[in-house]
C-alpha atoms as a PDB file:
ATOM      1  CA  MET A   1      -3.324  12.155  -3.954  1.00  0.00           C
ATOM      2  CA  ALA A   2      -3.581   9.237  -1.586  1.00  0.00           C
ATOM      3  CA  ALA A   3      -2.622   7.149  -5.196  1.00  0.00           C
ATOM      4  CA  VAL A   4       0.675   9.255  -5.333  1.00  0.00           C
ATOM      5  CA  PHE A   5       1.806   8.662  -1.649  1.00  0.00           C
ATOM      6  CA  MET A   6       0.952   4.934  -2.554  1.00  0.00           C
ATOM      7  CA  LEU A   7       2.575   5.047  -6.124  1.00  0.00           C
ATOM      8  CA  SER A   8       5.606   6.782  -3.893  1.00  0.00           C
ATOM      9  CA  SER A   9       5.656   4.055  -1.267  1.00  0.00           C
ATOM     10  CA  ALA A  10       5.691   1.049  -3.877  1.00  0.00           C
ATOM     11  CA  THR A  11       8.476   3.167  -5.220  1.00  0.00           C
ATOM     12  CA  MET A  12      10.773   3.317  -2.244  1.00  0.00           C
ATOM     13  CA  TRP A  13       9.785  -0.560  -0.606  1.00  0.00           C
ATOM     14  CA  PHE A  14      11.154  -2.144  -4.340  1.00  0.00           C
ATOM     15  CA  ARG A  15      14.227  -0.004  -3.895  1.00  0.00           C
ATOM     16  CA  THR A  16      15.092   0.051  -0.114  1.00  0.00           C
ATOM     17  CA  GLN A  17      13.282  -3.738   0.417  1.00  0.00           C
ATOM     18  CA  VAL A  18      11.986  -2.595   3.593  1.00  0.00           C
ATOM     19  CA  MET A  19       8.692  -4.235   2.890  1.00  0.00           C
ATOM     20  CA  PRO A  20       7.948  -7.632   1.135  1.00  0.00           C
ATOM     21  CA  HIS A  21       8.227  -7.630  -2.845  1.00  0.00           C
ATOM     22  CA  TRP A  22       4.127  -8.912  -2.931  1.00  0.00           C
ATOM     23  CA  LEU A  23       3.516  -5.732  -0.908  1.00  0.00           C
ATOM     24  CA  ALA A  24       4.953  -3.507  -3.091  1.00  0.00           C
ATOM     25  CA  ILE A  25       3.481  -5.007  -6.140  1.00  0.00           C
ATOM     26  CA  LEU A  26       0.139  -4.940  -4.748  1.00  0.00           C
ATOM     27  CA  THR A  27       0.401  -1.375  -3.589  1.00  0.00           C
ATOM     28  CA  ALA A  28       1.425  -0.142  -7.257  1.00  0.00           C
ATOM     29  CA  LEU A  29      -1.817  -1.892  -8.874  1.00  0.00           C
ATOM     30  CA  LEU A  30      -3.838  -0.834  -6.165  1.00  0.00           C
ATOM     31  CA  ALA A  31      -2.349   2.899  -7.034  1.00  0.00           C
ATOM     32  CA  LEU A  32      -3.104   2.912 -10.429  1.00  0.00           C
ATOM     33  CA  VAL A  33      -6.819   1.390 -10.157  1.00  0.00           C
ATOM     34  CA  LEU A  34      -7.187   4.490  -7.622  1.00  0.00           C
ATOM     35  CA  LEU A  35      -5.893   6.479 -10.541  1.00  0.00           C
ATOM     36  CA  VAL A  36      -7.949   5.060 -13.073  1.00  0.00           C
ATOM     37  CA  THR A  37     -11.443   4.443 -11.621  1.00  0.00           C
ATOM     38  CA  LEU A  38     -11.964   6.810  -9.154  1.00  0.00           C
ATOM     39  CA  GLY A  39     -14.464   8.767 -11.259  1.00  0.00           C
ATOM     40  CA  ILE A  40     -16.801   5.730 -12.086  1.00  0.00           C
ATOM     41  CA  SER A  41     -17.413   4.694  -8.298  1.00  0.00           C
ATOM     42  CA  THR A  42     -16.878   6.356  -5.109  1.00  0.00           C
ATOM     43  CA  TRP A  43     -16.548   3.433  -3.350  1.00  0.00           C
ATOM     44  CA  VAL A  44     -13.057   3.147  -4.918  1.00  0.00           C
ATOM     45  CA  THR A  45     -12.182   5.866  -2.789  1.00  0.00           C
ATOM     46  CA  LEU A  46     -12.192   2.812   0.156  1.00  0.00           C
ATOM     47  CA  ILE A  47      -9.078   1.286  -1.504  1.00  0.00           C
ATOM     48  CA  PHE A  48      -6.773   3.935   0.469  1.00  0.00           C
ATOM     49  CA  PRO A  49      -8.296   2.946   4.027  1.00  0.00           C
ATOM     50  CA  ALA A  50      -8.181  -0.735   3.683  1.00  0.00           C
ATOM     51  CA  TRP A  51      -4.266  -0.456   2.082  1.00  0.00           C
ATOM     52  CA  MET A  52      -3.632   1.072   4.912  1.00  0.00           C
ATOM     53  CA  VAL A  53      -4.878  -1.110   7.485  1.00  0.00           C
ATOM     54  CA  VAL A  54      -2.891  -3.999   5.536  1.00  0.00           C
ATOM     55  CA  VAL A  55       0.316  -2.345   5.816  1.00  0.00           C
ATOM     56  CA  SER A  56      -0.241  -1.438   9.795  1.00  0.00           C
ATOM     57  CA  ILE A  57      -1.048  -4.828  10.812  1.00  0.00           C
ATOM     58  CA  LEU A  58       2.321  -6.322   8.776  1.00  0.00           C
ATOM     59  CA  ILE A  59       4.166  -3.554  10.539  1.00  0.00           C
ATOM     60  CA  LEU A  60       2.804  -5.213  13.906  1.00  0.00           C
ATOM     61  CA  ILE A  61       3.524  -8.267  13.011  1.00  0.00           C
ATOM     62  CA  ALA A  62       6.967  -7.706  12.149  1.00  0.00           C
ATOM     63  CA  ASN A  63       7.694  -5.669  15.292  1.00  0.00           C
ATOM     64  CA  LEU A  64       5.916  -8.568  16.993  1.00  0.00           C
ATOM     65  CA  ARG A  65       8.330 -11.153  15.750  1.00  0.00           C
ATOM     66  CA  ARG A  66      11.362  -8.559  16.423  1.00  0.00           C
ATOM     67  CA  PRO A  67      13.337 -10.550  19.408  1.00  0.00           C
ATOM     68  CA  ALA A  68      13.328  -8.034  22.292  1.00  0.00           C
END
């Protein structure tokens, strides 16, 4: 489910350009890695929380840079 959420987020970001282009590409790649390698190692499940931290930090930085 996390990979599907990441893929849908990447698709929305590609079309709306709300997030940087590199983040949308990275999100799609990480989602594909999550889908393919989940059965190999349980450590792969940590991709989603790490991705969520990166996205959250980028949103916080964008909001701090915005003029009041």
